[in-house]
């Protein structure tokens, strides 16, 4: 039987622009900082990593799902905000709009599950059996109309189908964004920099789900270092820009991890129009992950996507805008670039 690869369909530029306009609601960019740990230039060092986890919001949530499925043996759990099922867009920009943001088209969940099983059998991803028991924290806000609730529900169903241990947090009134006590927007808002403050701390629930238990965050000055590194050094092909990734990425390293303690690694993936080139270090500063990193021996890696002609809002590639059909499986250029960073950190 002929092996089935991800479907190869590429939309015209006008359709792509329409996709992005729908998936990136309006709002002016804010480059607010929080506690000001000045980033220092450097490269990623090898630490004593005990486990690798992934989190993300919106397009970063879709990329987190791709990483979790492609490398389920390595990625020990996932937490996402405002996203849908794995391979939802099926390499089709119109499907990304109508089936994976809106729900005017089906998202074809049974097909997505069948594709994941097939690609696992071919070795294009780690075995889907490795998803069984993996902890997953899934958040969808009641005012998130960018990714409809039915799409989010199917994302939960996808991972439950393969035996993941999913907690679904759908009781908040949040808009489309990453919800954090350091958010600069009202809870129900959808706009730049996509950091909503609902008076809650979902990062506590997210990390508690992934780790089993979590210590209270450091609410004072952080004690670690924020490393600003050259993403070209880890990019497939040697040029991050050719992958719609920025020149610089970031990693927060708690002092205990620098001293050799066993530490977890969290890969945190921003959403569209939320990367460094769009809003500065707002997501890095305010995601409320570094604060937990300080008290829970957790390094946080912040890879950065950026805008280009095919991707004018700096989204992660979850619908095939790089022009290759392997974007959601092993060999996908953004996936492999992120994994190069993970391996450089000892994961």
Protein backbone atom coordinates (compact mmCIF):
# COMPACT_ATOMS: atom_id res chain seq x y z
CA UNK A 1 0.00 0.00 0.00
CA UNK A 2 1.30 3.43 -0.88
CA UNK A 3 2.28 5.45 2.17
CA UNK A 4 0.07 8.45 2.77
CA UNK A 5 1.90 11.71 3.39
CA UNK A 6 0.27 14.91 4.61
CA UNK A 7 -1.86 16.27 1.79
CA UNK A 8 -0.14 18.77 -0.51
CA UNK A 9 -2.37 21.80 -1.10
CA UNK A 10 -1.11 25.39 -1.10
CA UNK A 11 -3.44 28.39 -1.10
CA UNK A 12 -3.02 31.57 -3.10
CA UNK A 13 -1.50 34.55 -1.32
CA UNK A 14 -4.89 36.22 -1.04
CA UNK A 15 -6.34 33.24 0.84
CA UNK A 16 -3.30 33.13 3.09
CA UNK A 17 -3.70 36.78 3.97
CA UNK A 18 -7.36 36.11 4.76
CA UNK A 19 -6.36 33.21 7.01
CA UNK A 20 -3.99 35.35 8.98
CA UNK A 21 -6.40 38.26 9.24
CA UNK A 22 -8.96 35.95 10.85
CA UNK A 23 -6.50 34.21 13.15
CA UNK A 24 -4.86 37.42 14.37
CA UNK A 25 -7.55 39.79 15.68
CA UNK A 26 -6.81 43.49 15.97
CA UNK A 27 -4.95 45.28 18.73
CA UNK A 28 -1.88 47.42 19.02
CA UNK A 29 1.45 45.86 19.90
CA UNK A 30 2.70 46.30 23.44
CA UNK A 31 6.29 45.55 24.35
CA UNK A 32 5.77 45.74 28.10
CA UNK A 33 8.35 44.26 30.41
CA UNK A 34 7.81 43.02 33.94
CA UNK A 35 10.65 42.33 36.32
CA UNK A 36 13.53 43.16 33.98
CA UNK A 37 15.98 40.31 34.06
CA UNK A 38 18.23 41.80 31.40
CA UNK A 39 18.92 39.18 28.72
CA UNK A 40 22.57 38.28 28.27
CA UNK A 41 23.98 37.16 24.94
CA UNK A 42 25.10 33.56 24.89
CA UNK A 43 24.51 30.10 23.53
CA UNK A 44 22.54 27.18 24.87
CA UNK A 45 24.49 25.04 27.34
CA UNK A 46 24.04 21.42 28.36
CA UNK A 47 22.17 21.07 31.65
CA UNK A 48 21.02 18.15 33.79
CA UNK A 49 17.57 17.74 32.22
CA UNK A 50 15.21 15.20 33.80
CA UNK A 51 12.27 15.66 31.40
CA UNK A 52 11.06 17.78 28.50
CA UNK A 53 7.61 19.38 28.31
CA UNK A 54 5.93 21.71 25.84
CA UNK A 55 3.37 24.51 26.09
CA UNK A 56 1.91 27.07 23.72
CA UNK A 57 -0.92 29.38 22.76
CA UNK A 58 -2.85 29.66 19.49
CA UNK A 59 -0.40 28.82 16.65
CA UNK A 60 2.08 27.95 19.40
CA UNK A 61 -0.51 25.54 20.77
CA UNK A 62 -0.84 23.88 17.38
CA UNK A 63 2.97 23.64 17.18
CA UNK A 64 3.07 22.21 20.71
CA UNK A 65 0.67 19.49 19.57
CA UNK A 66 2.89 18.73 16.58
CA UNK A 67 5.92 18.39 18.85
CA UNK A 68 4.00 16.22 21.32
CA UNK A 69 2.84 13.81 18.62
CA UNK A 70 6.06 13.75 16.58
CA UNK A 71 8.30 13.26 19.63
CA UNK A 72 5.99 11.67 22.19
CA UNK A 73 8.84 9.57 23.58
CA UNK A 74 10.80 12.72 24.43
CA UNK A 75 8.01 15.20 25.27
CA UNK A 76 6.58 14.10 28.62
CA UNK A 77 3.49 16.34 28.65
CA UNK A 78 1.83 19.38 27.15
CA UNK A 79 -0.15 22.46 28.19
CA UNK A 80 -1.96 24.63 25.63
CA UNK A 81 -4.27 27.65 25.38
CA UNK A 82 -6.69 28.44 22.54
CA UNK A 83 -5.91 25.71 20.03
CA UNK A 84 -7.30 22.62 18.29
CA UNK A 85 -6.41 19.06 17.25
CA UNK A 86 -3.18 17.84 15.71
CA UNK A 87 -2.86 18.33 11.93
CA UNK A 88 -6.18 20.19 11.94
CA UNK A 89 -5.35 22.34 8.89
CA UNK A 90 -4.27 19.34 6.79
CA UNK A 91 -1.80 21.51 4.83
CA UNK A 92 -4.69 23.66 3.65
CA UNK A 93 -4.94 27.35 4.56
CA UNK A 94 -8.68 27.55 3.93
CA UNK A 95 -9.21 24.58 6.24
CA UNK A 96 -7.16 26.39 8.88
CA UNK A 97 -9.68 29.23 8.77
CA UNK A 98 -12.98 27.43 8.37
CA UNK A 99 -12.28 24.19 10.22
CA UNK A 100 -9.60 25.02 12.80
CA UNK A 101 -10.42 28.56 13.85
CA UNK A 102 -14.04 28.84 12.90
CA UNK A 103 -16.27 25.76 12.72
CA UNK A 104 -18.14 26.49 9.49
CA UNK A 105 -16.26 23.51 8.04
CA UNK A 106 -15.68 20.22 9.89
CA UNK A 107 -12.24 19.58 11.32
CA UNK A 108 -12.48 15.91 10.23
CA UNK A 109 -11.36 14.55 13.60
CA UNK A 110 -11.56 10.84 12.63
CA UNK A 111 -9.28 11.56 9.65
CA UNK A 112 -6.79 13.37 11.89
CA UNK A 113 -6.73 10.40 14.26
CA UNK A 114 -6.29 7.97 11.37
CA UNK A 115 -3.46 10.02 9.88
CA UNK A 116 -1.63 10.15 13.22
CA UNK A 117 -1.92 6.36 13.57
CA UNK A 118 -0.72 5.78 10.01
CA UNK A 119 2.27 8.08 10.27
CA UNK A 120 3.20 6.47 13.56
CA UNK A 121 3.16 3.06 11.88
CA UNK A 122 5.46 4.40 9.15
CA UNK A 123 7.88 5.79 11.76
CA UNK A 124 7.25 9.39 10.69
CA UNK A 125 6.36 10.15 14.33
CA UNK A 126 7.09 8.37 17.57
CA UNK A 127 4.56 5.60 18.30
CA UNK A 128 1.15 7.01 19.15
CA UNK A 129 1.13 4.49 21.97
CA UNK A 130 3.64 6.76 23.71
CA UNK A 131 0.84 9.31 24.14
CA UNK A 132 -0.98 6.95 26.49
CA UNK A 133 -0.90 8.38 30.01
CA UNK A 134 0.87 11.57 28.95
CA UNK A 135 -0.45 14.52 31.01
CA UNK A 136 -2.14 17.24 28.96
CA UNK A 137 -3.56 20.53 30.27
CA UNK A 138 -5.98 22.14 27.80
CA UNK A 139 -7.41 25.66 28.26
CA UNK A 140 -10.20 27.33 26.31
CA UNK A 141 -11.74 30.66 27.30
CA UNK A 142 -15.45 31.33 27.08
CA UNK A 143 -14.84 34.52 25.05
CA UNK A 144 -12.36 32.93 22.66
CA UNK A 145 -14.05 33.20 19.28
CA UNK A 146 -10.77 32.97 17.34
CA UNK A 147 -10.65 29.23 17.98
CA UNK A 148 -14.22 28.08 18.50
CA UNK A 149 -15.09 25.86 21.46
CA UNK A 150 -16.02 22.93 19.21
CA UNK A 151 -12.53 22.98 17.68
CA UNK A 152 -10.97 23.05 21.14
CA UNK A 153 -13.24 20.19 22.21
CA UNK A 154 -11.97 18.10 19.30
CA UNK A 155 -8.40 18.84 20.31
CA UNK A 156 -9.16 17.34 23.70
CA UNK A 157 -10.87 14.37 22.03
CA UNK A 158 -7.86 13.77 19.77
CA UNK A 159 -5.43 13.33 22.67
CA UNK A 160 -7.94 11.35 24.74
CA UNK A 161 -8.35 9.03 21.74
CA UNK A 162 -4.71 8.03 22.14
CA UNK A 163 -4.95 7.62 25.90
CA UNK A 164 -3.51 10.91 27.11
CA UNK A 165 -4.51 12.02 30.60
CA UNK A 166 -6.26 15.31 29.76
CA UNK A 167 -7.50 18.04 32.08
CA UNK A 168 -9.81 20.42 30.21
CA UNK A 169 -10.11 23.90 31.74
CA UNK A 170 -13.04 25.54 29.94
CA UNK A 171 -14.66 27.49 32.77
CA UNK A 172 -12.87 30.81 32.31
CA UNK A 173 -14.33 33.85 30.55
CA UNK A 174 -10.98 34.52 28.85
CA UNK A 175 -10.57 35.72 25.31
CA UNK A 176 -8.03 34.32 22.85
CA UNK A 177 -4.61 34.47 24.48
CA UNK A 178 -2.30 33.17 27.17
CA UNK A 179 -3.91 33.74 30.57
CA UNK A 180 -1.51 34.89 33.28
CA UNK A 181 -1.64 36.94 36.50
CA UNK A 182 0.86 39.27 34.79
CA UNK A 183 -1.37 39.83 31.77
CA UNK A 184 -1.76 43.38 30.50
CA UNK A 185 -5.28 42.93 29.08
CA UNK A 186 -8.70 42.35 30.60
CA UNK A 187 -9.73 38.72 30.93
CA UNK A 188 -12.21 38.74 28.05
CA UNK A 189 -9.95 40.63 25.63
CA UNK A 190 -8.50 39.39 22.36
CA UNK A 191 -5.71 41.68 21.19
CA UNK A 192 -2.00 42.32 21.31
CA UNK A 193 0.00 41.17 23.20
CA UNK A 194 -2.51 38.32 23.83
CA UNK A 195 -1.80 38.16 27.57
CA UNK A 196 -5.09 38.14 29.49
CA UNK A 197 -5.41 38.71 33.22
CA UNK A 198 -8.39 36.85 34.71
CA UNK A 199 -7.29 37.13 38.34
CA UNK A 200 -6.31 33.46 38.21
CA UNK A 201 -3.10 31.47 37.88
CA UNK A 202 -3.63 28.74 35.26
CA UNK A 203 0.14 28.13 35.13
CA UNK A 204 -0.18 26.58 38.58
CA UNK A 205 -2.80 24.17 37.23
CA UNK A 206 -0.82 23.54 34.04
CA UNK A 207 2.45 22.73 35.82
CA UNK A 208 0.70 20.81 38.55
CA UNK A 209 -0.90 18.65 35.89
CA UNK A 210 2.37 18.02 34.06
CA UNK A 211 4.61 17.54 37.09
CA UNK A 212 2.18 16.03 39.60
CA UNK A 213 2.80 18.83 42.09
CA UNK A 214 4.23 22.32 41.91
CA UNK A 215 5.77 24.72 44.42
CA UNK A 216 4.51 28.30 44.70
CA UNK A 217 6.16 30.71 42.27
CA UNK A 218 8.80 33.27 43.08
CA UNK A 219 6.89 36.57 43.22
CA UNK A 220 9.99 38.63 43.96
CA UNK A 221 13.08 39.35 41.85
CA UNK A 222 14.08 36.38 39.78
CA UNK A 223 17.37 34.71 40.61
CA UNK A 224 18.25 33.11 37.29
CA UNK A 225 19.55 34.31 33.93
CA UNK A 226 17.72 35.08 30.71
CA UNK A 227 19.91 33.92 27.82
CA UNK A 228 19.42 35.54 24.42
CA UNK A 229 20.83 33.16 21.82
CA UNK A 230 21.33 33.00 18.07
CA UNK A 231 18.67 30.78 16.52
CA UNK A 232 20.74 30.38 13.33
CA UNK A 233 23.01 28.05 15.31
CA UNK A 234 20.16 25.54 15.67
CA UNK A 235 18.13 26.17 12.51
CA UNK A 236 17.79 23.45 9.91
CA UNK A 237 19.81 24.81 6.99
CA UNK A 238 21.62 27.30 9.24
CA UNK A 239 19.33 30.26 8.62
CA UNK A 240 16.44 30.80 11.00
CA UNK A 241 15.01 33.51 8.76
CA UNK A 242 14.44 31.01 5.96
CA UNK A 243 12.14 29.13 8.37
CA UNK A 244 10.19 32.25 9.41
CA UNK A 245 12.04 32.16 12.73
CA UNK A 246 13.67 35.17 14.34
CA UNK A 247 17.37 35.80 14.74
CA UNK A 248 17.19 35.49 18.52
CA UNK A 249 15.58 33.05 20.92
CA UNK A 250 15.51 33.09 24.71
CA UNK A 251 16.02 30.65 27.57
CA UNK A 252 15.43 31.34 31.26
CA UNK A 253 17.84 29.33 33.42
CA UNK A 254 17.27 29.30 37.20
CA UNK A 255 20.41 29.55 39.30
CA UNK A 256 19.91 26.03 40.68
CA UNK A 257 19.94 24.62 37.14
CA UNK A 258 23.14 26.53 36.34
CA UNK A 259 24.69 24.91 39.43
CA UNK A 260 24.03 21.37 38.20
CA UNK A 261 20.70 20.52 39.82
CA UNK A 262 18.39 18.14 37.99
CA UNK A 263 15.90 20.35 36.14
CA UNK A 264 12.93 19.97 33.85
CA UNK A 265 12.82 21.77 30.51
CA UNK A 266 9.68 23.59 29.35
CA UNK A 267 9.44 24.65 25.70
CA UNK A 268 7.09 27.66 25.61
CA UNK A 269 5.70 28.68 22.21
CA UNK A 270 4.14 32.10 21.66
CA UNK A 271 1.19 32.70 19.37
CA UNK A 272 0.79 34.74 16.18
CA UNK A 273 1.92 38.38 16.52
CA UNK A 274 3.33 37.56 19.96
CA UNK A 275 7.00 36.88 19.24
CA UNK A 276 10.00 39.04 20.09
CA UNK A 277 9.98 40.90 16.78
CA UNK A 278 6.32 41.85 17.34
CA UNK A 279 5.97 42.60 21.08
CA UNK A 280 9.48 42.37 22.47
CA UNK A 281 9.86 40.18 25.53
CA UNK A 282 6.24 40.54 26.67
CA UNK A 283 5.52 36.81 26.42
CA UNK A 284 8.89 35.85 27.89
CA UNK A 285 8.42 38.24 30.80
CA UNK A 286 4.75 37.75 31.55
CA UNK A 287 3.90 34.11 30.79
CA UNK A 288 4.40 33.32 34.52
CA UNK A 289 6.70 30.42 33.70
CA UNK A 290 10.04 31.89 34.81
CA UNK A 291 8.56 32.59 38.24
CA UNK A 292 7.66 28.92 38.58
CA UNK A 293 10.98 27.92 37.05
CA UNK A 294 12.83 29.57 39.92
CA UNK A 295 11.07 27.49 42.57
CA UNK A 296 10.57 24.24 40.62
CA UNK A 297 13.95 23.64 38.96
CA UNK A 298 12.55 24.33 35.48
CA UNK A 299 14.41 25.85 32.54
CA UNK A 300 12.12 27.63 30.07
CA UNK A 301 13.03 27.70 26.37
CA UNK A 302 11.34 30.39 24.26
CA UNK A 303 11.91 29.73 20.54
CA UNK A 304 10.83 32.63 18.35
CA UNK A 305 8.90 32.73 15.10
CA UNK A 306 8.87 35.90 13.00
CA UNK A 307 7.03 37.38 10.06
CA UNK A 308 7.92 36.96 6.41
CA UNK A 309 6.07 37.28 3.10
CA UNK A 310 4.35 33.90 3.52
CA UNK A 311 3.70 34.43 7.22
CA UNK A 312 3.11 38.14 7.83
CA UNK A 313 2.00 37.74 11.46
CA UNK A 314 4.82 35.56 12.73
CA UNK A 315 2.76 32.40 13.38
CA UNK A 316 4.25 28.94 13.82
CA UNK A 317 3.86 26.65 10.83
CA UNK A 318 0.76 24.56 11.53
CA UNK A 319 -0.79 24.76 8.04
CA UNK A 320 2.22 24.32 5.75
CA UNK A 321 3.23 27.87 4.89
CA UNK A 322 6.88 26.83 4.47
CA UNK A 323 5.77 24.83 1.45
CA UNK A 324 6.68 21.37 2.74
CA UNK A 325 4.13 18.70 3.59
CA UNK A 326 6.16 17.23 6.46
CA UNK A 327 5.65 20.21 8.79
CA UNK A 328 3.70 18.19 11.46
CA UNK A 329 6.00 15.13 11.59
CA UNK A 330 9.66 14.32 12.14
CA UNK A 331 11.70 16.18 9.58
CA UNK A 332 9.50 19.28 9.72
CA UNK A 333 11.98 22.13 9.64
CA UNK A 334 10.58 24.15 12.53
CA UNK A 335 10.02 21.01 14.59
CA UNK A 336 13.60 19.86 14.03
CA UNK A 337 15.00 23.33 14.75
CA UNK A 338 13.20 23.41 18.09
CA UNK A 339 14.38 19.88 18.88
CA UNK A 340 17.97 20.96 18.09
CA UNK A 341 17.56 23.59 20.83
CA UNK A 342 16.09 20.99 23.19
CA UNK A 343 19.03 18.65 22.59
CA UNK A 344 21.54 21.48 23.06
CA UNK A 345 20.05 22.10 26.52
CA UNK A 346 20.44 18.43 27.42
CA UNK A 347 16.92 17.23 26.62
